[in-house]
């Protein structure tokens, strides 16, 4: 699946069962491969402890994204996995 990252900012995110989980606010990229690794539901804060919390509680692994059209659909998994 290929799409512009800028198009994904602010998109609604839903599980594949239809539950709204938030909006795409930030992204973590693998700089070597150029691939998205995580989608964050909050911007990544500067504080190390707060960043850990956001990664654990307010992010979704991109490998769990099933579709990016009008919304982002992710497999039903725990956030942060």
C-alpha atoms as a PDB file:
ATOM      1  CA  UNK A   1       0.000   0.000   0.000  1.00  0.00           C
ATOM      2  CA  UNK A   2       1.405   3.372  -1.006  1.00  0.00           C
ATOM      3  CA  UNK A   3       0.116   6.780   0.044  1.00  0.00           C
ATOM      4  CA  UNK A   4       1.571  10.184   0.873  1.00  0.00           C
ATOM      5  CA  UNK A   5       2.342  10.515   4.552  1.00  0.00           C
ATOM      6  CA  UNK A   6       1.080  14.105   4.540  1.00  0.00           C
ATOM      7  CA  UNK A   7      -2.342  12.801   3.473  1.00  0.00           C
ATOM      8  CA  UNK A   8      -2.531  10.604   6.588  1.00  0.00           C
ATOM      9  CA  UNK A   9      -2.053  13.401   9.166  1.00  0.00           C
ATOM     10  CA  UNK A  10      -5.263  13.935  11.108  1.00  0.00           C
ATOM     11  CA  UNK A  11      -7.055  10.947   9.535  1.00  0.00           C
ATOM     12  CA  UNK A  12      -9.575   9.127  11.686  1.00  0.00           C
ATOM     13  CA  UNK A  13      -8.410   5.683  12.771  1.00  0.00           C
ATOM     14  CA  UNK A  14     -10.747   2.740  13.311  1.00  0.00           C
ATOM     15  CA  UNK A  15     -10.300  -0.899  14.212  1.00  0.00           C
ATOM     16  CA  UNK A  16     -11.422  -3.424  11.627  1.00  0.00           C
ATOM     17  CA  UNK A  17     -14.498  -3.977  13.804  1.00  0.00           C
ATOM     18  CA  UNK A  18     -15.453  -0.298  13.477  1.00  0.00           C
ATOM     19  CA  UNK A  19     -14.274   1.145  16.825  1.00  0.00           C
ATOM     20  CA  UNK A  20     -12.895   4.698  16.621  1.00  0.00           C
ATOM     21  CA  UNK A  21      -9.470   4.835  18.289  1.00  0.00           C
ATOM     22  CA  UNK A  22      -8.320   8.383  17.461  1.00  0.00           C
ATOM     23  CA  UNK A  23      -6.626  10.515  14.824  1.00  0.00           C
ATOM     24  CA  UNK A  24      -3.191  10.049  13.277  1.00  0.00           C
ATOM     25  CA  UNK A  25      -1.126  12.821  14.884  1.00  0.00           C
ATOM     26  CA  UNK A  26       2.475  11.753  14.303  1.00  0.00           C
ATOM     27  CA  UNK A  27       4.518   8.988  12.715  1.00  0.00           C
ATOM     28  CA  UNK A  28       7.719   7.100  13.484  1.00  0.00           C
ATOM     29  CA  UNK A  29       9.816   6.260  10.419  1.00  0.00           C
ATOM     30  CA  UNK A  30      12.633   3.798   9.874  1.00  0.00           C
ATOM     31  CA  UNK A  31      15.213   6.122   8.342  1.00  0.00           C
ATOM     32  CA  UNK A  32      17.085   3.293   6.642  1.00  0.00           C
ATOM     33  CA  UNK A  33      14.107   1.729   4.855  1.00  0.00           C
ATOM     34  CA  UNK A  34      11.974   4.882   4.667  1.00  0.00           C
ATOM     35  CA  UNK A  35       8.981   2.927   5.975  1.00  0.00           C
ATOM     36  CA  UNK A  36       6.466   3.984   8.609  1.00  0.00           C
ATOM     37  CA  UNK A  37       6.900   1.934  11.796  1.00  0.00           C
ATOM     38  CA  UNK A  38       4.258   3.442  14.099  1.00  0.00           C
ATOM     39  CA  UNK A  39       1.260   5.744  13.889  1.00  0.00           C
ATOM     40  CA  UNK A  40       0.829   7.925  16.975  1.00  0.00           C
ATOM     41  CA  UNK A  41      -2.519   9.155  18.262  1.00  0.00           C
ATOM     42  CA  UNK A  42      -0.769  12.064  20.030  1.00  0.00           C
ATOM     43  CA  UNK A  43       2.249  14.101  18.965  1.00  0.00           C
ATOM     44  CA  UNK A  44       5.461  12.650  20.399  1.00  0.00           C
ATOM     45  CA  UNK A  45       6.424  14.772  23.438  1.00  0.00           C
ATOM     46  CA  UNK A  46       9.974  15.901  24.183  1.00  0.00           C
ATOM     47  CA  UNK A  47      10.060  14.323  27.648  1.00  0.00           C
ATOM     48  CA  UNK A  48      11.505  10.801  27.619  1.00  0.00           C
ATOM     49  CA  UNK A  49       8.949   9.468  30.123  1.00  0.00           C
ATOM     50  CA  UNK A  50       6.008  11.035  28.299  1.00  0.00           C
ATOM     51  CA  UNK A  51       7.337   9.726  24.972  1.00  0.00           C
ATOM     52  CA  UNK A  52       7.458   6.200  26.450  1.00  0.00           C
ATOM     53  CA  UNK A  53       3.851   6.578  27.611  1.00  0.00           C
ATOM     54  CA  UNK A  54       2.671   7.728  24.181  1.00  0.00           C
ATOM     55  CA  UNK A  55       4.506   4.878  22.454  1.00  0.00           C
ATOM     56  CA  UNK A  56       3.038   2.361  24.896  1.00  0.00           C
ATOM     57  CA  UNK A  57      -0.530   3.688  25.174  1.00  0.00           C
ATOM     58  CA  UNK A  58      -1.220   5.946  22.206  1.00  0.00           C
ATOM     59  CA  UNK A  59       0.344   4.322  19.151  1.00  0.00           C
ATOM     60  CA  UNK A  60      -0.309   1.531  16.686  1.00  0.00           C
ATOM     61  CA  UNK A  61       2.321  -0.480  14.833  1.00  0.00           C
ATOM     62  CA  UNK A  62       2.042   0.282  11.119  1.00  0.00           C
ATOM     63  CA  UNK A  63       2.231  -3.438  10.317  1.00  0.00           C
ATOM     64  CA  UNK A  64      -1.295  -3.617  11.813  1.00  0.00           C
ATOM     65  CA  UNK A  65      -2.685  -1.064   9.323  1.00  0.00           C
ATOM     66  CA  UNK A  66      -5.003  -2.867   6.941  1.00  0.00           C
ATOM     67  CA  UNK A  67      -6.213   0.027   4.778  1.00  0.00           C
ATOM     68  CA  UNK A  68      -5.686   3.739   4.164  1.00  0.00           C
ATOM     69  CA  UNK A  69      -8.522   5.284   2.183  1.00  0.00           C
ATOM     70  CA  UNK A  70     -10.872   7.885   3.679  1.00  0.00           C
ATOM     71  CA  UNK A  71      -9.906   6.555   7.129  1.00  0.00           C
ATOM     72  CA  UNK A  72      -7.120   4.363   8.500  1.00  0.00           C
ATOM     73  CA  UNK A  73      -8.278   0.846   9.377  1.00  0.00           C
ATOM     74  CA  UNK A  74      -6.133  -1.214  11.737  1.00  0.00           C
ATOM     75  CA  UNK A  75      -6.348  -4.801  12.908  1.00  0.00           C
ATOM     76  CA  UNK A  76      -7.950  -4.985  16.333  1.00  0.00           C
ATOM     77  CA  UNK A  77      -4.922  -5.053  18.609  1.00  0.00           C
ATOM     78  CA  UNK A  78      -3.934  -3.311  21.808  1.00  0.00           C
ATOM     79  CA  UNK A  79      -2.611   0.196  21.210  1.00  0.00           C
ATOM     80  CA  UNK A  80       1.150   0.325  21.539  1.00  0.00           C
ATOM     81  CA  UNK A  81       1.616  -3.140  19.986  1.00  0.00           C
END
